[in-house]
Amino acid sequence: MIDFDEIINGELFKGCDNKAVEKILKEFSFKESLFEPGDFVAMQDSVCSSLYLLAEGRVLAKMTSAEGKEITIDYLKSPNILAPAFIYGSKNYFPVSLQAETHCRLYTLSREGFFKIMESDAAVLRNFLRIISDRSFFLSRKLNEFALQNLTERIITYLKFRGKISNVQDVAFIFGVARPSLSRAISMLADKGIIKKTDEGYVLS
């Protein structure tokens, strides 16, 4: 049994006409899927033709190069929309692979059904556009971290936006570097007094 209240109470449907949205959700292809740790929710370069709503759990967004090098782009926690910017694109393919890190529950809605919801409720349209804009900003910042900054600069930038590094291994995956390399860079910044270690993790001094 699909819990429509759980879905509508998420960020995407904030401020919408709940009853009207629920009615449309029931009219279109809408299903629930469960994933266990290690399962792939979606594969890089596969078609993205539905709205993916992560209702429970956490997934890893990973990108693999032609040479087989894998980089973890981000950790996505529920509630969240997966790959929202690619649903209506002329080339609507997943740019990354999405892999369940924990037990996950996912809802999918056809893009035609979601388009009807946005047509009928301006609040949903505004929320969707804001989410896409925020995600684009994140991706542009991520590109800057990978292309223009060295490792210590990336650590500082990460702390400015995220506040702390509580798990060095997780951040190493995000940066696409070995944990020992990241640990050495963190130690160097700590020795210089640029960052410091607290009970919650490493933070800017």
Protein backbone atom coordinates (compact mmCIF):
# COMPACT_ATOMS: atom_id res chain seq x y z
CA MET A 1 0.00 0.00 0.00
CA ILE A 2 1.56 3.29 -1.14
CA ASP A 3 1.71 5.97 1.55
CA PHE A 4 0.67 9.09 -0.39
CA ASP A 5 0.93 11.30 2.70
CA GLU A 6 4.62 10.44 3.03
CA ILE A 7 5.24 11.43 -0.60
CA ILE A 8 3.23 14.64 -0.62
CA ASN A 9 4.81 15.85 2.63
CA GLY A 10 8.24 15.93 0.97
CA GLU A 11 10.08 18.98 -0.34
CA LEU A 12 8.80 18.64 -3.90
CA PHE A 13 5.15 18.98 -2.92
CA LYS A 14 5.56 21.62 -0.22
CA GLY A 15 2.70 24.13 -0.39
CA CYS A 16 0.70 22.18 -2.97
CA ASP A 17 -2.97 21.16 -3.04
CA ASN A 18 -2.54 17.75 -1.40
CA LYS A 19 -5.86 16.26 -2.45
CA ALA A 20 -5.50 17.33 -6.07
CA VAL A 21 -1.95 15.96 -6.30
CA GLU A 22 -2.93 12.66 -4.69
CA LYS A 23 -5.75 12.28 -7.21
CA ILE A 24 -3.34 12.70 -10.12
CA LEU A 25 -0.80 10.34 -8.55
CA LYS A 26 -3.44 7.62 -8.43
CA GLU A 27 -4.33 8.14 -12.11
CA PHE A 28 -0.84 7.57 -13.52
CA SER A 29 1.78 4.83 -13.45
CA PHE A 30 3.14 5.10 -9.92
CA LYS A 31 4.94 2.32 -8.12
CA GLU A 32 7.03 1.48 -5.08
CA SER A 33 10.37 -0.36 -5.27
CA LEU A 34 12.64 -1.69 -2.51
CA PHE A 35 16.44 -1.98 -2.70
CA GLU A 36 18.98 -3.57 -0.38
CA PRO A 37 22.57 -2.36 0.24
CA GLY A 38 24.65 -2.86 -2.90
CA ASP A 39 21.68 -2.95 -5.29
CA PHE A 40 21.77 -0.58 -8.23
CA VAL A 41 18.80 1.77 -8.41
CA ALA A 42 19.90 3.03 -11.84
CA MET A 43 22.94 2.53 -14.06
CA GLN A 44 25.02 5.27 -15.65
CA ASP A 45 23.82 6.05 -19.21
CA SER A 46 20.48 4.24 -18.73
CA VAL A 47 17.32 6.10 -19.76
CA CYS A 48 15.75 8.40 -17.17
CA SER A 49 12.08 8.54 -18.14
CA SER A 50 10.38 8.78 -14.73
CA LEU A 51 10.45 10.88 -11.59
CA TYR A 52 12.46 9.02 -8.94
CA LEU A 53 11.47 9.85 -5.36
CA LEU A 54 13.72 8.42 -2.65
CA ALA A 55 11.45 8.02 0.37
CA GLU A 56 13.75 6.03 2.65
CA GLY A 57 17.48 5.28 2.81
CA ARG A 58 20.68 6.58 1.25
CA VAL A 59 22.20 6.03 -2.20
CA LEU A 60 25.63 6.68 -3.67
CA ALA A 61 25.95 8.59 -6.93
CA LYS A 62 28.96 7.14 -8.76
CA MET A 63 30.52 8.05 -12.09
CA THR A 64 32.72 5.62 -14.03
CA SER A 65 35.13 6.72 -16.75
CA ALA A 66 35.85 4.86 -19.97
CA GLU A 67 39.04 3.58 -18.31
CA GLY A 68 37.06 2.12 -15.44
CA LYS A 69 38.01 4.74 -12.82
CA GLU A 70 35.14 5.25 -10.39
CA ILE A 71 34.39 8.43 -8.46
CA THR A 72 31.67 8.91 -5.85
CA ILE A 73 29.99 12.21 -6.71
CA ASP A 74 27.63 12.46 -3.77
CA TYR A 75 25.62 10.72 -1.07
CA LEU A 76 21.86 11.25 -1.47
CA LYS A 77 19.68 10.89 1.60
CA SER A 78 15.90 10.59 1.73
CA PRO A 79 13.66 12.37 1.12
CA ASN A 80 15.16 13.32 -2.22
CA ILE A 81 14.62 13.39 -5.97
CA LEU A 82 17.13 11.44 -8.04
CA ALA A 83 18.42 13.04 -11.27
CA PRO A 84 15.62 15.62 -11.57
CA ALA A 85 17.40 17.67 -14.24
CA PHE A 86 17.40 14.79 -16.73
CA ILE A 87 13.75 13.72 -16.76
CA TYR A 88 12.72 16.09 -19.54
CA GLY A 89 16.05 16.53 -21.32
CA SER A 90 16.50 15.80 -25.03
CA LYS A 91 19.15 13.32 -23.86
CA ASN A 92 17.49 11.94 -20.75
CA TYR A 93 20.14 9.53 -19.50
CA PHE A 94 21.42 9.05 -15.97
CA PRO A 95 24.85 10.74 -15.77
CA VAL A 96 25.82 8.54 -12.82
CA SER A 97 25.06 5.12 -11.38
CA LEU A 98 22.87 5.14 -8.27
CA GLN A 99 23.66 2.39 -5.76
CA ALA A 100 21.82 1.72 -2.51
CA GLU A 101 24.06 2.14 0.51
CA THR A 102 21.28 1.22 2.96
CA HIS A 103 17.85 -0.33 2.67
CA CYS A 104 15.97 2.02 0.32
CA ARG A 105 12.37 2.60 -0.66
CA LEU A 106 11.81 4.39 -3.95
CA TYR A 107 8.70 5.68 -5.70
CA THR A 108 8.61 6.26 -9.47
CA LEU A 109 6.08 8.35 -11.39
CA SER A 110 5.86 8.63 -15.17
CA ARG A 111 7.09 11.97 -16.50
CA GLU A 112 3.70 12.50 -18.15
CA GLY A 113 1.99 12.15 -14.80
CA PHE A 114 4.43 14.50 -13.09
CA PHE A 115 4.07 17.04 -15.91
CA LYS A 116 0.30 17.05 -15.35
CA ILE A 117 0.86 17.72 -11.65
CA MET A 118 3.12 20.71 -12.44
CA GLU A 119 0.53 22.04 -14.90
CA SER A 120 -2.18 21.85 -12.27
CA ASP A 121 -0.22 23.20 -9.27
CA ALA A 122 2.20 26.14 -9.54
CA ALA A 123 3.71 25.35 -6.12
CA VAL A 124 5.00 21.99 -7.37
CA LEU A 125 6.42 23.63 -10.50
CA ARG A 126 8.24 26.27 -8.42
CA ASN A 127 9.62 23.61 -6.06
CA PHE A 128 10.84 21.50 -8.97
CA LEU A 129 12.58 24.44 -10.65
CA ARG A 130 14.25 25.39 -7.37
CA ILE A 131 15.45 21.83 -6.82
CA ILE A 132 16.93 21.70 -10.33
CA SER A 133 18.63 25.07 -9.82
CA ASP A 134 20.10 23.99 -6.48
CA ARG A 135 21.36 20.75 -8.01
CA SER A 136 22.95 22.64 -10.92
CA PHE A 137 24.76 24.89 -8.45
CA PHE A 138 26.03 21.84 -6.59
CA LEU A 139 27.31 20.24 -9.81
CA SER A 140 29.07 23.43 -10.93
CA ARG A 141 30.79 23.65 -7.52
CA LYS A 142 31.73 19.98 -7.75
CA LEU A 143 33.26 20.55 -11.20
CA ASN A 144 35.30 23.42 -9.77
CA GLU A 145 36.56 21.18 -6.98
CA PHE A 146 37.68 18.46 -9.37
CA ALA A 147 39.08 20.58 -12.18
CA LEU A 148 40.54 23.70 -10.63
CA GLN A 149 41.56 22.97 -7.04
CA ASN A 150 44.27 20.87 -5.45
CA LEU A 151 43.41 18.49 -2.63
CA THR A 152 43.92 20.91 0.26
CA GLU A 153 41.81 23.56 -1.51
CA ARG A 154 39.08 21.00 -2.07
CA ILE A 155 39.09 20.13 1.64
CA ILE A 156 38.69 23.78 2.60
CA THR A 157 35.90 24.29 0.04
CA TYR A 158 34.15 21.16 1.28
CA LEU A 159 34.27 22.40 4.88
CA LYS A 160 32.95 25.83 3.90
CA PHE A 161 29.84 24.26 2.39
CA ARG A 162 29.38 21.11 4.50
CA GLY A 163 30.70 22.38 7.83
CA LYS A 164 32.64 19.30 8.92
CA ILE A 165 34.37 16.09 7.89
CA SER A 166 33.12 13.40 10.25
CA ASN A 167 34.03 10.39 8.10
CA VAL A 168 37.33 10.60 6.21
CA GLN A 169 36.57 7.47 4.15
CA ASP A 170 33.27 8.92 2.87
CA VAL A 171 34.93 12.16 1.81
CA ALA A 172 37.77 10.25 0.16
CA PHE A 173 35.18 8.47 -1.98
CA ILE A 174 33.56 11.79 -2.90
CA PHE A 175 36.92 13.30 -3.84
CA GLY A 176 38.01 10.22 -5.74
CA VAL A 177 41.26 9.92 -3.80
CA ALA A 178 42.82 7.29 -1.54
CA ARG A 179 42.06 7.66 2.16
CA PRO A 180 45.77 7.92 3.15
CA SER A 181 46.24 10.84 0.72
CA LEU A 182 43.26 12.65 2.18
CA SER A 183 44.41 11.94 5.75
CA ARG A 184 47.84 13.42 5.00
CA ALA A 185 46.30 16.56 3.52
CA ILE A 186 43.99 16.93 6.54
CA SER A 187 46.93 16.52 8.93
CA MET A 188 48.89 19.16 7.04
CA LEU A 189 46.01 21.63 7.27
CA ALA A 190 45.59 20.83 10.97
CA ASP A 191 49.32 21.41 11.59
CA LYS A 192 49.01 24.83 9.94
CA GLY A 193 46.01 25.68 12.10
CA ILE A 194 43.67 26.01 9.12
CA ILE A 195 41.40 23.24 10.39
CA LYS A 196 40.99 21.58 13.75
CA LYS A 197 39.64 18.31 15.09
CA THR A 198 36.54 18.36 17.31
CA ASP A 199 34.30 15.68 18.79
CA GLU A 200 32.11 15.92 15.68
CA GLY A 201 34.99 15.80 13.18
CA TYR A 202 37.29 18.19 11.35
CA VAL A 203 36.11 21.79 10.99
CA LEU A 204 37.61 25.08 9.86
CA SER A 205 39.48 26.90 12.61
